[in-house]
């Protein structure tokens, strides 16, 4: 069954709006606060970033059946599987174990194998937008993690890859560079982010920030989706 033209128009409007803010995140465009110090995303853009992938997934499942032409608005990096991405979540606790901050956001990376590192393609391989909010719903704000430069790669086990390096983290007084950062991928499904606490005044706490990967096929047009055997569908 095909969706009527009215719903198709709504799908395009919703998808293009989400892609617009995805590209904002992709291009790392920031705005400063009223004091001209802090490189943050605006709250309106942040809310869109936080809901971006969910919105694309929902709209794709509902309306993609009505589209016969390729969705050219989707960034080619996603179509070509050059990047992996997904949501992140974490908690920051004080010394007594009380939660001080709840952290959510999105991440995007082209760390898919060691070939990228060996070919000196490690620049900008990991970006994240981290929204922080108090448990009572106050003090909502955002930080970004960008410019991750890999210094070493190890394999703790057969299913995990650990990347050590440095990144740029936006803080209240502006971007802080060369922050020791480690990223671990596990079974191509879970990521673990560790930002050196001392380098950021323990703002993110001592606990890791966790993320999961989203299957890029879920946001592709039907004719580019793969079956269980990873063959591209011609339907």
C-alpha atoms as a PDB file:
ATOM      1  CA  UNK A   1       0.000   0.000   0.000  1.00  0.00           C
ATOM      2  CA  UNK A   2       1.267   3.441  -0.915  1.00  0.00           C
ATOM      3  CA  UNK A   3       0.921   6.527   1.260  1.00  0.00           C
ATOM      4  CA  UNK A   4      -1.043   9.436  -0.174  1.00  0.00           C
ATOM      5  CA  UNK A   5       0.859  12.442  -1.481  1.00  0.00           C
ATOM      6  CA  UNK A   6       0.108  14.507   1.634  1.00  0.00           C
ATOM      7  CA  UNK A   7       1.958  12.077   3.880  1.00  0.00           C
ATOM      8  CA  UNK A   8       4.828  11.813   1.406  1.00  0.00           C
ATOM      9  CA  UNK A   9       5.270  15.577   1.552  1.00  0.00           C
ATOM     10  CA  UNK A  10       5.322  15.429   5.339  1.00  0.00           C
ATOM     11  CA  UNK A  11       7.993  12.738   5.189  1.00  0.00           C
ATOM     12  CA  UNK A  12      10.222  14.848   2.953  1.00  0.00           C
ATOM     13  CA  UNK A  13       9.788  17.885   5.183  1.00  0.00           C
ATOM     14  CA  UNK A  14      10.638  15.873   8.305  1.00  0.00           C
ATOM     15  CA  UNK A  15      13.613  14.105   6.737  1.00  0.00           C
ATOM     16  CA  UNK A  16      15.133  17.253   5.235  1.00  0.00           C
ATOM     17  CA  UNK A  17      14.789  19.064   8.551  1.00  0.00           C
ATOM     18  CA  UNK A  18      16.595  16.259  10.382  1.00  0.00           C
ATOM     19  CA  UNK A  19      19.306  16.046   7.729  1.00  0.00           C
ATOM     20  CA  UNK A  20      19.879  19.793   8.037  1.00  0.00           C
ATOM     21  CA  UNK A  21      20.787  19.414  11.691  1.00  0.00           C
ATOM     22  CA  UNK A  22      22.758  16.231  11.051  1.00  0.00           C
ATOM     23  CA  UNK A  23      24.967  18.252   8.722  1.00  0.00           C
ATOM     24  CA  UNK A  24      25.371  20.908  11.400  1.00  0.00           C
ATOM     25  CA  UNK A  25      26.745  18.186  13.655  1.00  0.00           C
ATOM     26  CA  UNK A  26      28.784  16.685  10.810  1.00  0.00           C
ATOM     27  CA  UNK A  27      30.414  20.036   9.971  1.00  0.00           C
ATOM     28  CA  UNK A  28      31.019  20.887  13.643  1.00  0.00           C
ATOM     29  CA  UNK A  29      29.395  24.309  13.470  1.00  0.00           C
ATOM     30  CA  UNK A  30      29.243  25.915  16.904  1.00  0.00           C
ATOM     31  CA  UNK A  31      27.772  29.040  18.438  1.00  0.00           C
ATOM     32  CA  UNK A  32      29.058  30.933  21.463  1.00  0.00           C
ATOM     33  CA  UNK A  33      27.241  31.935  24.611  1.00  0.00           C
ATOM     34  CA  UNK A  34      26.379  35.514  25.577  1.00  0.00           C
ATOM     35  CA  UNK A  35      29.862  36.052  26.965  1.00  0.00           C
ATOM     36  CA  UNK A  36      31.481  34.910  23.747  1.00  0.00           C
ATOM     37  CA  UNK A  37      33.431  32.216  25.595  1.00  0.00           C
ATOM     38  CA  UNK A  38      31.801  28.832  25.317  1.00  0.00           C
ATOM     39  CA  UNK A  39      31.539  26.933  22.032  1.00  0.00           C
ATOM     40  CA  UNK A  40      28.174  25.191  22.446  1.00  0.00           C
ATOM     41  CA  UNK A  41      25.377  24.098  20.191  1.00  0.00           C
ATOM     42  CA  UNK A  42      22.175  26.059  20.675  1.00  0.00           C
ATOM     43  CA  UNK A  43      19.519  24.318  22.763  1.00  0.00           C
ATOM     44  CA  UNK A  44      17.197  24.124  19.762  1.00  0.00           C
ATOM     45  CA  UNK A  45      19.864  22.394  17.702  1.00  0.00           C
ATOM     46  CA  UNK A  46      20.826  20.181  20.614  1.00  0.00           C
ATOM     47  CA  UNK A  47      17.298  18.884  21.040  1.00  0.00           C
ATOM     48  CA  UNK A  48      17.244  18.075  17.347  1.00  0.00           C
ATOM     49  CA  UNK A  49      20.590  16.282  17.615  1.00  0.00           C
ATOM     50  CA  UNK A  50      19.391  14.218  20.557  1.00  0.00           C
ATOM     51  CA  UNK A  51      16.259  13.130  18.704  1.00  0.00           C
ATOM     52  CA  UNK A  52      17.825  13.017  15.244  1.00  0.00           C
ATOM     53  CA  UNK A  53      18.359   9.310  14.768  1.00  0.00           C
ATOM     54  CA  UNK A  54      15.077   8.324  16.371  1.00  0.00           C
ATOM     55  CA  UNK A  55      13.227  10.768  14.130  1.00  0.00           C
ATOM     56  CA  UNK A  56      14.914   9.467  10.992  1.00  0.00           C
ATOM     57  CA  UNK A  57      14.263   5.851  11.950  1.00  0.00           C
ATOM     58  CA  UNK A  58      10.590   6.438  12.714  1.00  0.00           C
ATOM     59  CA  UNK A  59       9.951   8.490   9.588  1.00  0.00           C
ATOM     60  CA  UNK A  60      11.825   5.943   7.472  1.00  0.00           C
ATOM     61  CA  UNK A  61       9.734   3.001   8.667  1.00  0.00           C
ATOM     62  CA  UNK A  62       6.480   4.901   8.114  1.00  0.00           C
ATOM     63  CA  UNK A  63       7.078   6.601   4.794  1.00  0.00           C
ATOM     64  CA  UNK A  64       9.915   4.997   2.844  1.00  0.00           C
ATOM     65  CA  UNK A  65       7.500   2.665   1.133  1.00  0.00           C
ATOM     66  CA  UNK A  66       5.988   5.632  -0.671  1.00  0.00           C
ATOM     67  CA  UNK A  67       9.266   6.905  -2.170  1.00  0.00           C
ATOM     68  CA  UNK A  68      10.340   5.504  -5.519  1.00  0.00           C
ATOM     69  CA  UNK A  69      13.402   7.733  -6.052  1.00  0.00           C
ATOM     70  CA  UNK A  70      16.648   7.691  -4.021  1.00  0.00           C
ATOM     71  CA  UNK A  71      16.702   9.919  -0.970  1.00  0.00           C
ATOM     72  CA  UNK A  72      19.502  12.179  -2.161  1.00  0.00           C
ATOM     73  CA  UNK A  73      19.369  14.320   0.992  1.00  0.00           C
ATOM     74  CA  UNK A  74      20.969  11.593   3.105  1.00  0.00           C
ATOM     75  CA  UNK A  75      24.717  12.303   3.444  1.00  0.00           C
ATOM     76  CA  UNK A  76      26.679   9.939   1.153  1.00  0.00           C
ATOM     77  CA  UNK A  77      28.968   9.007   4.040  1.00  0.00           C
ATOM     78  CA  UNK A  78      26.055   7.120   5.605  1.00  0.00           C
ATOM     79  CA  UNK A  79      24.915   5.520   2.366  1.00  0.00           C
ATOM     80  CA  UNK A  80      28.443   4.247   1.667  1.00  0.00           C
ATOM     81  CA  UNK A  81      28.946   2.875   5.187  1.00  0.00           C
ATOM     82  CA  UNK A  82      31.928   5.187   5.749  1.00  0.00           C
ATOM     83  CA  UNK A  83      30.687   6.138   9.209  1.00  0.00           C
ATOM     84  CA  UNK A  84      29.151   4.429  12.186  1.00  0.00           C
ATOM     85  CA  UNK A  85      27.039   6.376  14.623  1.00  0.00           C
ATOM     86  CA  UNK A  86      24.492   6.168  17.411  1.00  0.00           C
ATOM     87  CA  UNK A  87      23.300   7.496  20.775  1.00  0.00           C
ATOM     88  CA  UNK A  88      25.355   7.820  23.955  1.00  0.00           C
ATOM     89  CA  UNK A  89      24.406   7.862  27.638  1.00  0.00           C
ATOM     90  CA  UNK A  90      26.188   8.112  30.958  1.00  0.00           C
ATOM     91  CA  UNK A  91      26.068   9.274  34.568  1.00  0.00           C
ATOM     92  CA  UNK A  92      28.365  11.477  36.618  1.00  0.00           C
ATOM     93  CA  UNK A  93      28.450  10.732  40.353  1.00  0.00           C
ATOM     94  CA  UNK A  94      29.968  12.558  43.309  1.00  0.00           C
ATOM     95  CA  UNK A  95      32.191  10.935  45.941  1.00  0.00           C
ATOM     96  CA  UNK A  96      29.184   9.617  47.876  1.00  0.00           C
ATOM     97  CA  UNK A  97      27.775   7.904  44.794  1.00  0.00           C
ATOM     98  CA  UNK A  98      24.945  10.392  44.236  1.00  0.00           C
ATOM     99  CA  UNK A  99      24.204  11.135  40.596  1.00  0.00           C
ATOM    100  CA  UNK A 100      25.092  14.744  39.784  1.00  0.00           C
ATOM    101  CA  UNK A 101      24.633  14.726  36.025  1.00  0.00           C
ATOM    102  CA  UNK A 102      22.738  12.681  33.456  1.00  0.00           C
ATOM    103  CA  UNK A 103      24.464  12.609  30.063  1.00  0.00           C
ATOM    104  CA  UNK A 104      22.917  11.832  26.674  1.00  0.00           C
ATOM    105  CA  UNK A 105      23.827  12.655  23.102  1.00  0.00           C
ATOM    106  CA  UNK A 106      25.059  11.311  19.781  1.00  0.00           C
ATOM    107  CA  UNK A 107      28.359  10.181  18.325  1.00  0.00           C
ATOM    108  CA  UNK A 108      29.709   9.639  14.814  1.00  0.00           C
ATOM    109  CA  UNK A 109      32.916   7.923  13.728  1.00  0.00           C
ATOM    110  CA  UNK A 110      34.787   6.380  10.838  1.00  0.00           C
ATOM    111  CA  UNK A 111      36.749   4.097  13.162  1.00  0.00           C
ATOM    112  CA  UNK A 112      35.685   0.906  11.449  1.00  0.00           C
ATOM    113  CA  UNK A 113      39.020  -0.910  11.287  1.00  0.00           C
ATOM    114  CA  UNK A 114      42.734  -0.412  11.811  1.00  0.00           C
ATOM    115  CA  UNK A 115      43.211   0.418   8.117  1.00  0.00           C
ATOM    116  CA  UNK A 116      42.053   3.978   8.723  1.00  0.00           C
ATOM    117  CA  UNK A 117      44.751   4.443  11.365  1.00  0.00           C
ATOM    118  CA  UNK A 118      47.499   2.766   9.360  1.00  0.00           C
ATOM    119  CA  UNK A 119      46.706   4.937   6.338  1.00  0.00           C
ATOM    120  CA  UNK A 120      46.933   8.102   8.450  1.00  0.00           C
ATOM    121  CA  UNK A 121      43.206   8.716   8.184  1.00  0.00           C
ATOM    122  CA  UNK A 122      42.723   9.277  11.904  1.00  0.00           C
ATOM    123  CA  UNK A 123      41.807  12.977  11.690  1.00  0.00           C
ATOM    124  CA  UNK A 124      38.257  13.687  12.847  1.00  0.00           C
ATOM    125  CA  UNK A 125      37.468   9.992  13.195  1.00  0.00           C
ATOM    126  CA  UNK A 126      35.339  10.501  16.282  1.00  0.00           C
ATOM    127  CA  UNK A 127      32.920  13.315  17.163  1.00  0.00           C
ATOM    128  CA  UNK A 128      30.307  13.459  19.908  1.00  0.00           C
ATOM    129  CA  UNK A 129      27.719  15.893  21.249  1.00  0.00           C
ATOM    130  CA  UNK A 130      27.176  15.353  24.981  1.00  0.00           C
ATOM    131  CA  UNK A 131      24.171  16.943  26.674  1.00  0.00           C
ATOM    132  CA  UNK A 132      24.314  17.192  30.480  1.00  0.00           C
ATOM    133  CA  UNK A 133      21.409  17.845  32.830  1.00  0.00           C
ATOM    134  CA  UNK A 134      20.883  17.637  36.594  1.00  0.00           C
ATOM    135  CA  UNK A 135      18.614  14.836  37.879  1.00  0.00           C
ATOM    136  CA  UNK A 136      16.076  17.521  38.848  1.00  0.00           C
ATOM    137  CA  UNK A 137      15.959  18.767  35.247  1.00  0.00           C
ATOM    138  CA  UNK A 138      18.014  21.952  35.720  1.00  0.00           C
ATOM    139  CA  UNK A 139      21.333  23.326  34.390  1.00  0.00           C
ATOM    140  CA  UNK A 140      20.943  21.764  30.960  1.00  0.00           C
ATOM    141  CA  UNK A 141      23.931  22.364  28.683  1.00  0.00           C
ATOM    142  CA  UNK A 142      26.037  20.737  25.994  1.00  0.00           C
ATOM    143  CA  UNK A 143      29.667  19.828  25.334  1.00  0.00           C
ATOM    144  CA  UNK A 144      31.276  18.560  22.162  1.00  0.00           C
ATOM    145  CA  UNK A 145      34.131  16.129  21.654  1.00  0.00           C
ATOM    146  CA  UNK A 146      35.923  16.609  18.330  1.00  0.00           C
ATOM    147  CA  UNK A 147      39.286  16.304  16.568  1.00  0.00           C
ATOM    148  CA  UNK A 148      40.126  12.908  18.047  1.00  0.00           C
ATOM    149  CA  UNK A 149      43.724  12.050  17.123  1.00  0.00           C
ATOM    150  CA  UNK A 150      44.763   8.441  17.657  1.00  0.00           C
ATOM    151  CA  UNK A 151      48.149   7.759  19.231  1.00  0.00           C
ATOM    152  CA  UNK A 152      47.903   3.986  19.739  1.00  0.00           C
ATOM    153  CA  UNK A 153      45.617   1.034  19.061  1.00  0.00           C
ATOM    154  CA  UNK A 154      45.354  -2.190  21.064  1.00  0.00           C
ATOM    155  CA  UNK A 155      43.108  -5.260  21.199  1.00  0.00           C
ATOM    156  CA  UNK A 156      42.142  -6.258  24.768  1.00  0.00           C
ATOM    157  CA  UNK A 157      40.392  -9.330  23.370  1.00  0.00           C
ATOM    158  CA  UNK A 158      39.185 -10.765  20.081  1.00  0.00           C
ATOM    159  CA  UNK A 159      36.017  -8.682  20.105  1.00  0.00           C
ATOM    160  CA  UNK A 160      37.360  -5.299  21.260  1.00  0.00           C
ATOM    161  CA  UNK A 161      39.582  -2.541  19.908  1.00  0.00           C
ATOM    162  CA  UNK A 162      40.952   0.196  22.163  1.00  0.00           C
ATOM    163  CA  UNK A 163      42.015   3.585  20.758  1.00  0.00           C
ATOM    164  CA  UNK A 164      44.122   5.971  22.836  1.00  0.00           C
ATOM    165  CA  UNK A 165      44.601   9.574  21.804  1.00  0.00           C
ATOM    166  CA  UNK A 166      43.635  13.173  22.407  1.00  0.00           C
ATOM    167  CA  UNK A 167      40.579  15.239  21.561  1.00  0.00           C
ATOM    168  CA  UNK A 168      39.180  18.758  21.779  1.00  0.00           C
ATOM    169  CA  UNK A 169      36.413  19.183  24.355  1.00  0.00           C
ATOM    170  CA  UNK A 170      34.250  22.306  24.562  1.00  0.00           C
ATOM    171  CA  UNK A 171      34.083  23.581  28.138  1.00  0.00           C
ATOM    172  CA  UNK A 172      32.649  26.648  29.860  1.00  0.00           C
ATOM    173  CA  UNK A 173      35.744  28.744  29.154  1.00  0.00           C
ATOM    174  CA  UNK A 174      36.048  27.542  25.565  1.00  0.00           C
ATOM    175  CA  UNK A 175      37.479  24.544  23.688  1.00  0.00           C
ATOM    176  CA  UNK A 176      40.163  22.601  25.573  1.00  0.00           C
ATOM    177  CA  UNK A 177      42.634  20.874  23.266  1.00  0.00           C
ATOM    178  CA  UNK A 178      44.809  17.788  23.634  1.00  0.00           C
ATOM    179  CA  UNK A 179      42.557  16.173  26.240  1.00  0.00           C
ATOM    180  CA  UNK A 180      43.612  12.527  26.822  1.00  0.00           C
ATOM    181  CA  UNK A 181      40.751  10.429  25.486  1.00  0.00           C
ATOM    182  CA  UNK A 182      40.208   6.720  24.913  1.00  0.00           C
ATOM    183  CA  UNK A 183      37.574   5.035  22.777  1.00  0.00           C
ATOM    184  CA  UNK A 184      36.842   1.321  22.879  1.00  0.00           C
ATOM    185  CA  UNK A 185      34.645  -0.566  20.447  1.00  0.00           C
ATOM    186  CA  UNK A 186      33.229  -3.932  21.487  1.00  0.00           C
ATOM    187  CA  UNK A 187      31.847  -6.442  19.003  1.00  0.00           C
ATOM    188  CA  UNK A 188      31.066  -3.577  16.584  1.00  0.00           C
ATOM    189  CA  UNK A 189      28.032  -2.808  18.732  1.00  0.00           C
ATOM    190  CA  UNK A 190      29.060  -0.922  21.877  1.00  0.00           C
ATOM    191  CA  UNK A 191      31.496   1.943  22.377  1.00  0.00           C
ATOM    192  CA  UNK A 192      33.054   3.192  25.604  1.00  0.00           C
ATOM    193  CA  UNK A 193      34.301   6.784  25.903  1.00  0.00           C
ATOM    194  CA  UNK A 194      36.750   7.798  28.621  1.00  0.00           C
ATOM    195  CA  UNK A 195      37.710  11.473  28.965  1.00  0.00           C
ATOM    196  CA  UNK A 196      40.608  12.123  31.360  1.00  0.00           C
ATOM    197  CA  UNK A 197      38.881  13.529  34.487  1.00  0.00           C
ATOM    198  CA  UNK A 198      41.784  15.703  35.649  1.00  0.00           C
ATOM    199  CA  UNK A 199      42.086  17.427  32.272  1.00  0.00           C
ATOM    200  CA  UNK A 200      38.458  18.626  32.373  1.00  0.00           C
ATOM    201  CA  UNK A 201      38.189  19.406  36.106  1.00  0.00           C
ATOM    202  CA  UNK A 202      36.301  16.132  36.598  1.00  0.00           C
ATOM    203  CA  UNK A 203      33.283  17.624  34.843  1.00  0.00           C
ATOM    204  CA  UNK A 204      32.209  14.316  33.268  1.00  0.00           C
ATOM    205  CA  UNK A 205      32.998  12.282  36.373  1.00  0.00           C
ATOM    206  CA  UNK A 206      35.055   9.104  36.605  1.00  0.00           C
ATOM    207  CA  UNK A 207      32.599   6.754  34.900  1.00  0.00           C
ATOM    208  CA  UNK A 208      32.770   5.908  31.186  1.00  0.00           C
ATOM    209  CA  UNK A 209      30.195   7.220  28.734  1.00  0.00           C
ATOM    210  CA  UNK A 210      28.604   4.387  26.763  1.00  0.00           C
ATOM    211  CA  UNK A 211      27.213   4.310  23.259  1.00  0.00           C
ATOM    212  CA  UNK A 212      25.675   1.850  20.839  1.00  0.00           C
ATOM    213  CA  UNK A 213      25.866   1.629  17.071  1.00  0.00           C
ATOM    214  CA  UNK A 214      22.881   2.101  14.796  1.00  0.00           C
ATOM    215  CA  UNK A 215      22.574  -0.003  11.664  1.00  0.00           C
ATOM    216  CA  UNK A 216      23.033   2.436   8.721  1.00  0.00           C
ATOM    217  CA  UNK A 217      20.701   0.272   6.610  1.00  0.00           C
ATOM    218  CA  UNK A 218      17.799   1.488   8.733  1.00  0.00           C
ATOM    219  CA  UNK A 219      17.994   4.986   7.222  1.00  0.00           C
ATOM    220  CA  UNK A 220      18.664   3.939   3.641  1.00  0.00           C
ATOM    221  CA  UNK A 221      16.094   3.924   0.828  1.00  0.00           C
ATOM    222  CA  UNK A 222      14.667   0.435   0.209  1.00  0.00           C
ATOM    223  CA  UNK A 223      16.665  -0.093  -2.980  1.00  0.00           C
ATOM    224  CA  UNK A 224      19.941   0.291  -1.028  1.00  0.00           C
ATOM    225  CA  UNK A 225      19.060  -1.890   1.958  1.00  0.00           C
ATOM    226  CA  UNK A 226      20.904  -5.175   2.457  1.00  0.00           C
ATOM    227  CA  UNK A 227      19.433  -8.551   3.191  1.00  0.00           C
ATOM    228  CA  UNK A 228      20.691 -10.953   5.849  1.00  0.00           C
ATOM    229  CA  UNK A 229      23.507 -12.046   3.514  1.00  0.00           C
ATOM    230  CA  UNK A 230      24.623  -8.395   3.032  1.00  0.00           C
ATOM    231  CA  UNK A 231      23.460  -8.348  -0.576  1.00  0.00           C
ATOM    232  CA  UNK A 232      22.061  -5.045  -1.812  1.00  0.00           C
ATOM    233  CA  UNK A 233      18.366  -5.311  -2.586  1.00  0.00           C
ATOM    234  CA  UNK A 234      17.205  -4.384  -6.093  1.00  0.00           C
ATOM    235  CA  UNK A 235      13.586  -3.980  -5.035  1.00  0.00           C
END
